[in-house]
Amino acid sequence: MNSYTYVIGAEYEGKRIDIYLSEIIEDCSRSYIQKLIEEEKIKVNNRIIKSNYKLKCNDLISLEIPDETPMEILAEDIPLDILYEDKDIIVINKAQGMVVHPAAGHYSGTLVNALLFHCPNELSKVNGPLRPGIVHRIDKDTSGIMIVAKNDYAHNELSLQLKKYSVVRKYIAIVYNNIIDDFGTVDAPVGRHPKDRKKMTVINKNSKKAITHFTVLERFGDFTLIEASLVTGRTHQIRVHMKYLGHPILGDYTYGPKKQPFKLNGQMLHARFLAFNHPSTKEYMEFKTPVPEYFEDVINILRKKNQK
């Protein structure tokens, strides 16, 4: 059993508790939070509440999250955009909104569920039963290319390349405000936010080295289109580093403004390029995908506004 406490700041006044907790606790869905509330494992000011409870400034939330119990992850017939596949690897263009692997309160509709249907008994077991085949992750609301391992040898070889920073990963993003410099590097350690478990932040204590290179592709006045290249691959790294620079990603409700100018389902961040050496043949391979249609639509709107 894991216990947590949160003190509510004025900026969250009036927000439903189930929505608030699902946003700040990593890998916990809103339905799972509601289940914990029904089981009286979540209290406010030591009182039992309902899922629609509206938060007040200085409320003290206390909650208990039971330890995960192993469960069978079911195969699901979910379409996949497969860019390449052989006996060792699968390269996938993940859609925005798809969770990569199951977690507490979220055991279906993930990439892993789809992979189990597509290639049963053919995924690496290195990362355990909840993450078969998963060598690296991209966020739920980030789209783009990722690689999956179909056996343990391929998994370990790819993990070694990631550890040596030899895998090339390039993203395209729309960020707030005009970036003056045409290119730059953020070398700032990233770790868990000390007060908000779901967020990462630039911090020296309990953090890991994190390096992101960026290049400006186009300027739209109040927004900038960039390419971001990962050297390291920390959780939320690009999102955290761009916020650190004062240029949070458009559509990022976690690290950017709460009020967004477009009706978006997540951050405008797309993993568009991936290059690595094949784990068995050692052949250099690279893959590139265009941004999704909704992403291109936002770019076109910003271009038109900037031309006026």
Protein backbone atom coordinates (compact mmCIF):
# COMPACT_ATOMS: atom_id res chain seq x y z
CA MET A 1 0.00 0.00 0.00
CA ASN A 2 1.35 3.43 -1.02
CA SER A 3 0.15 6.50 0.90
CA TYR A 4 0.17 10.08 -0.41
CA THR A 5 -0.94 13.52 0.75
CA TYR A 6 -1.58 16.66 -1.28
CA VAL A 7 -2.33 20.22 -0.14
CA ILE A 8 -4.51 22.11 -2.61
CA GLY A 9 -3.29 25.44 -3.93
CA ALA A 10 -5.60 28.30 -4.95
CA GLU A 11 -5.16 27.50 -8.66
CA TYR A 12 -7.09 24.22 -8.23
CA GLU A 13 -10.02 25.72 -6.30
CA GLY A 14 -13.32 24.41 -7.70
CA LYS A 15 -11.79 21.47 -9.61
CA ARG A 16 -13.34 18.04 -9.18
CA ILE A 17 -11.20 15.79 -7.03
CA ASP A 18 -11.35 12.81 -9.41
CA ILE A 19 -10.17 14.96 -12.32
CA TYR A 20 -7.42 16.58 -10.24
CA LEU A 21 -5.99 13.29 -8.96
CA SER A 22 -6.11 11.56 -12.36
CA GLU A 23 -4.08 14.46 -13.76
CA ILE A 24 -1.38 14.55 -11.09
CA ILE A 25 -0.91 10.84 -10.33
CA GLU A 26 1.03 9.05 -13.03
CA ASP A 27 -0.65 6.04 -14.66
CA CYS A 28 -3.92 6.40 -12.66
CA SER A 29 -7.07 6.82 -14.74
CA ARG A 30 -10.07 8.85 -13.60
CA SER A 31 -12.19 5.70 -13.32
CA TYR A 32 -9.57 4.12 -11.06
CA ILE A 33 -9.55 7.24 -8.84
CA GLN A 34 -13.35 7.02 -8.62
CA LYS A 35 -13.05 3.39 -7.57
CA LEU A 36 -10.61 4.34 -4.78
CA ILE A 37 -13.03 7.05 -3.60
CA GLU A 38 -15.86 4.51 -3.48
CA GLU A 39 -13.62 2.21 -1.43
CA GLU A 40 -12.95 5.14 0.96
CA LYS A 41 -9.23 5.07 0.23
CA ILE A 42 -9.30 8.80 -0.58
CA LYS A 43 -10.30 11.41 1.98
CA VAL A 44 -10.30 15.19 2.20
CA ASN A 45 -9.50 16.75 5.56
CA ASN A 46 -9.91 13.22 6.96
CA ARG A 47 -13.51 13.07 5.71
CA ILE A 48 -15.08 10.67 3.21
CA ILE A 49 -16.08 12.45 0.00
CA LYS A 50 -17.64 11.69 -3.39
CA SER A 51 -16.04 11.81 -6.82
CA ASN A 52 -17.72 15.11 -7.68
CA TYR A 53 -16.28 16.89 -4.63
CA LYS A 54 -15.04 20.38 -5.59
CA LEU A 55 -11.65 21.21 -4.13
CA LYS A 56 -11.04 24.18 -1.84
CA CYS A 57 -7.81 26.02 -1.19
CA ASN A 58 -5.75 24.34 1.57
CA ASP A 59 -7.75 21.10 1.42
CA LEU A 60 -5.63 18.18 2.61
CA ILE A 61 -6.10 15.11 0.41
CA SER A 62 -4.94 11.78 1.78
CA LEU A 63 -5.05 8.63 -0.32
CA GLU A 64 -3.91 5.05 -0.33
CA ILE A 65 -3.10 3.20 -3.55
CA PRO A 66 -3.02 -0.59 -3.14
CA ASP A 67 0.02 -2.45 -4.40
CA GLU A 68 -0.40 -3.76 -7.92
CA THR A 69 -1.44 -7.37 -8.16
CA PRO A 70 -0.30 -9.31 -11.21
CA MET A 71 -3.07 -9.78 -13.74
CA GLU A 72 -3.41 -11.13 -17.22
CA ILE A 73 -3.21 -8.54 -19.96
CA LEU A 74 -5.63 -9.42 -22.75
CA ALA A 75 -4.94 -9.24 -26.45
CA GLU A 76 -7.20 -6.75 -28.26
CA ASP A 77 -7.83 -6.31 -31.98
CA ILE A 78 -6.72 -2.67 -32.17
CA PRO A 79 -5.40 -1.37 -35.52
CA LEU A 80 -1.68 -0.52 -35.63
CA ASP A 81 0.20 1.71 -38.06
CA ILE A 82 3.20 -0.56 -38.66
CA LEU A 83 6.10 1.02 -40.55
CA TYR A 84 8.35 -2.05 -40.51
CA GLU A 85 8.37 -5.58 -39.08
CA ASP A 86 10.62 -8.61 -39.10
CA LYS A 87 11.38 -11.50 -36.73
CA ASP A 88 13.19 -9.17 -34.27
CA ILE A 89 11.49 -5.80 -34.26
CA ILE A 90 8.36 -3.83 -35.06
CA VAL A 91 8.48 -0.10 -35.81
CA ILE A 92 5.16 1.60 -35.10
CA ASN A 93 3.68 5.05 -35.70
CA LYS A 94 1.71 5.46 -32.45
CA ALA A 95 -1.44 7.56 -32.51
CA GLN A 96 -2.03 10.42 -30.10
CA GLY A 97 -4.18 9.26 -27.18
CA MET A 98 -2.90 5.67 -27.08
CA VAL A 99 -1.28 4.58 -23.82
CA VAL A 100 1.84 2.49 -24.43
CA HIS A 101 1.44 -0.12 -21.70
CA PRO A 102 -1.10 -1.12 -19.01
CA ALA A 103 -0.90 0.41 -15.54
CA ALA A 104 -3.06 0.75 -12.44
CA GLY A 105 -6.66 1.32 -13.48
CA HIS A 106 -5.83 1.21 -17.19
CA TYR A 107 -5.50 -2.35 -18.45
CA SER A 108 -7.09 -2.15 -21.90
CA GLY A 109 -6.84 -0.15 -25.11
CA THR A 110 -3.06 0.17 -24.87
CA LEU A 111 -0.35 -0.47 -27.42
CA VAL A 112 0.60 -3.61 -25.51
CA ASN A 113 -2.95 -4.97 -25.81
CA ALA A 114 -2.75 -4.39 -29.57
CA LEU A 115 0.70 -5.99 -29.83
CA LEU A 116 -0.44 -9.10 -27.97
CA PHE A 117 -3.13 -9.57 -30.62
CA HIS A 118 -0.85 -8.79 -33.55
CA CYS A 119 2.05 -11.03 -32.54
CA PRO A 120 1.09 -13.32 -29.62
CA ASN A 121 3.99 -15.04 -27.86
CA GLU A 122 6.50 -13.03 -29.92
CA LEU A 123 7.35 -10.12 -27.63
CA SER A 124 10.37 -9.67 -25.38
CA LYS A 125 9.93 -10.36 -21.68
CA VAL A 126 12.74 -8.15 -20.37
CA ASN A 127 10.43 -5.50 -18.89
CA GLY A 128 7.96 -7.91 -17.29
CA PRO A 129 4.38 -9.01 -18.02
CA LEU A 130 2.88 -5.50 -18.19
CA ARG A 131 5.40 -4.22 -20.75
CA PRO A 132 6.16 -7.04 -23.21
CA GLY A 133 8.24 -5.76 -26.12
CA ILE A 134 8.44 -2.21 -24.81
CA VAL A 135 12.00 -0.90 -25.17
CA HIS A 136 11.17 2.81 -24.80
CA ARG A 137 8.02 4.85 -24.38
CA ILE A 138 6.42 7.98 -25.72
CA ASP A 139 3.70 9.78 -23.80
CA LYS A 140 0.03 8.96 -24.28
CA ASP A 141 -0.71 12.30 -25.95
CA THR A 142 2.48 12.35 -28.03
CA SER A 143 2.23 10.71 -31.45
CA GLY A 144 4.95 9.16 -33.56
CA ILE A 145 7.56 6.49 -34.07
CA MET A 146 8.64 3.94 -31.53
CA ILE A 147 10.36 0.56 -31.74
CA VAL A 148 9.18 -2.71 -30.17
CA ALA A 149 11.33 -5.79 -29.55
CA LYS A 150 10.01 -9.27 -30.44
CA ASN A 151 12.62 -11.18 -28.44
CA ASP A 152 14.94 -10.62 -25.47
CA TYR A 153 18.10 -10.48 -27.58
CA ALA A 154 16.73 -7.66 -29.73
CA HIS A 155 15.45 -5.88 -26.63
CA ASN A 156 18.83 -5.95 -24.88
CA GLU A 157 20.69 -4.84 -28.00
CA LEU A 158 18.34 -1.89 -28.51
CA SER A 159 18.50 -0.96 -24.82
CA LEU A 160 22.28 -0.86 -25.10
CA GLN A 161 22.06 1.52 -28.05
CA LEU A 162 19.74 3.77 -26.04
CA LYS A 163 22.12 3.67 -23.10
CA LYS A 164 25.02 4.69 -25.38
CA TYR A 165 22.87 7.51 -26.87
CA SER A 166 23.36 6.09 -30.37
CA VAL A 167 19.63 5.93 -31.21
CA VAL A 168 18.61 9.11 -33.07
CA ARG A 169 15.22 10.46 -31.97
CA LYS A 170 13.84 13.68 -33.46
CA TYR A 171 10.51 15.29 -32.62
CA ILE A 172 8.57 18.16 -34.10
CA ALA A 173 6.69 20.50 -31.77
CA ILE A 174 4.78 23.76 -31.65
CA VAL A 175 5.78 25.83 -28.64
CA TYR A 176 4.54 29.07 -27.11
CA ASN A 177 6.25 32.39 -27.80
CA ASN A 178 8.94 33.35 -30.28
CA ILE A 179 12.29 31.59 -29.85
CA ILE A 180 14.90 34.15 -30.82
CA ASP A 181 17.85 31.79 -31.34
CA ASP A 182 17.76 29.57 -34.43
CA PHE A 183 19.07 26.60 -32.44
CA GLY A 184 20.22 25.69 -28.97
CA THR A 185 20.79 23.00 -26.35
CA VAL A 186 19.16 22.45 -22.99
CA ASP A 187 21.46 20.59 -20.59
CA ALA A 188 19.44 20.48 -17.38
CA PRO A 189 18.79 17.48 -15.07
CA VAL A 190 15.22 16.17 -14.90
CA GLY A 191 13.61 14.47 -11.91
CA ARG A 192 10.27 13.93 -10.21
CA HIS A 193 8.58 17.14 -9.04
CA PRO A 194 8.93 17.27 -5.22
CA LYS A 195 5.29 18.32 -4.69
CA ASP A 196 3.49 16.83 -7.68
CA ARG A 197 4.10 13.14 -8.31
CA LYS A 198 2.79 13.17 -11.86
CA LYS A 199 5.03 16.00 -13.01
CA MET A 200 8.72 16.04 -13.83
CA THR A 201 10.84 19.15 -13.44
CA VAL A 202 14.33 20.54 -13.83
CA ILE A 203 15.90 19.83 -10.45
CA ASN A 204 19.34 18.95 -9.11
CA LYS A 205 18.25 16.60 -6.31
CA ASN A 206 17.17 13.02 -7.18
CA SER A 207 17.43 13.73 -10.92
CA LYS A 208 19.14 12.38 -14.02
CA LYS A 209 21.22 14.03 -16.72
CA ALA A 210 19.00 15.29 -19.54
CA ILE A 211 20.07 16.91 -22.82
CA THR A 212 17.82 18.20 -25.62
CA HIS A 213 18.94 19.95 -28.81
CA PHE A 214 16.44 22.14 -30.65
CA THR A 215 16.28 23.87 -34.04
CA VAL A 216 13.73 26.48 -35.09
CA LEU A 217 11.88 25.42 -38.24
CA GLU A 218 9.35 28.25 -38.55
CA ARG A 219 8.14 31.24 -36.52
CA PHE A 220 4.50 32.30 -36.19
CA GLY A 221 4.82 35.33 -33.93
CA ASP A 222 3.29 34.02 -30.72
CA PHE A 223 4.33 30.42 -31.49
CA THR A 224 7.37 28.62 -32.89
CA LEU A 225 7.68 25.35 -34.79
CA ILE A 226 10.78 23.44 -33.69
CA GLU A 227 12.59 20.17 -34.14
CA ALA A 228 13.80 18.70 -30.84
CA SER A 229 16.46 15.98 -30.75
CA LEU A 230 16.90 13.77 -27.71
CA VAL A 231 20.34 12.85 -26.44
CA THR A 232 18.98 11.32 -23.24
CA GLY A 233 15.41 10.08 -22.90
CA ARG A 234 13.94 11.08 -19.55
CA THR A 235 10.22 11.02 -18.80
CA HIS A 236 8.53 14.11 -20.34
CA GLN A 237 12.01 15.43 -21.21
CA ILE A 238 11.15 17.69 -24.18
CA ARG A 239 8.01 18.98 -22.48
CA VAL A 240 9.92 19.81 -19.28
CA HIS A 241 12.89 21.36 -21.05
CA MET A 242 10.74 23.60 -23.24
CA LYS A 243 8.79 24.78 -20.20
CA TYR A 244 12.12 25.45 -18.49
CA LEU A 245 13.08 27.70 -21.42
CA GLY A 246 9.78 29.57 -21.15
CA HIS A 247 8.37 27.90 -24.27
CA PRO A 248 5.89 25.20 -23.16
CA ILE A 249 4.39 23.02 -25.87
CA LEU A 250 1.04 24.02 -27.33
CA GLY A 251 -1.71 21.72 -26.05
CA ASP A 252 0.30 20.58 -23.01
CA TYR A 253 -2.14 20.98 -20.12
CA THR A 254 0.38 19.59 -17.62
CA TYR A 255 3.32 21.91 -18.30
CA GLY A 256 1.65 24.72 -20.25
CA PRO A 257 -1.22 27.16 -19.68
CA LYS A 258 -4.51 25.71 -18.48
CA LYS A 259 -6.38 27.74 -21.09
CA GLN A 260 -5.34 26.75 -24.61
CA PRO A 261 -6.14 28.69 -27.83
CA PHE A 262 -7.16 25.53 -29.73
CA LYS A 263 -9.38 22.59 -28.85
CA LEU A 264 -6.61 20.02 -28.66
CA ASN A 265 -6.52 16.52 -27.21
CA GLY A 266 -2.90 16.79 -26.12
CA GLN A 267 0.45 18.40 -26.76
CA MET A 268 1.59 19.26 -30.27
CA LEU A 269 4.55 16.91 -30.10
CA HIS A 270 5.26 14.25 -32.72
CA ALA A 271 8.14 11.74 -32.81
CA ARG A 272 8.82 12.03 -36.53
CA PHE A 273 12.29 10.48 -36.97
CA LEU A 274 13.97 7.39 -35.52
CA ALA A 275 17.31 5.83 -36.52
CA PHE A 276 19.19 2.88 -35.04
CA ASN A 277 21.23 -0.18 -35.96
CA HIS A 278 19.22 -3.36 -36.42
CA PRO A 279 19.84 -5.56 -33.35
CA SER A 280 20.67 -8.67 -35.41
CA THR A 281 21.97 -7.54 -38.80
CA LYS A 282 23.58 -4.33 -37.43
CA GLU A 283 22.24 -2.57 -40.54
CA TYR A 284 21.61 1.16 -40.09
CA MET A 285 17.88 1.85 -40.31
CA GLU A 286 15.92 5.08 -40.24
CA PHE A 287 12.22 5.93 -40.30
CA LYS A 288 10.34 9.17 -40.74
CA THR A 289 6.63 10.01 -40.56
CA PRO A 290 4.74 13.22 -41.35
CA VAL A 291 2.85 14.97 -38.56
CA PRO A 292 -0.79 13.88 -38.12
CA GLU A 293 -3.53 15.79 -39.93
CA TYR A 294 -4.69 17.69 -36.84
CA PHE A 295 -1.09 18.84 -36.26
CA GLU A 296 -0.77 20.05 -39.86
CA ASP A 297 -4.10 21.88 -39.53
CA VAL A 298 -2.80 23.87 -36.55
CA ILE A 299 0.40 24.74 -38.44
CA ASN A 300 -1.66 26.04 -41.38
CA ILE A 301 -3.89 28.14 -39.08
CA LEU A 302 -0.84 29.69 -37.42
CA ARG A 303 0.76 30.43 -40.81
CA LYS A 304 -2.37 32.25 -42.02
CA LYS A 305 -2.64 34.28 -38.81
CA ASN A 306 1.04 35.23 -39.01
CA GLN A 307 0.66 36.42 -42.60
CA LYS A 308 -2.08 38.96 -41.75
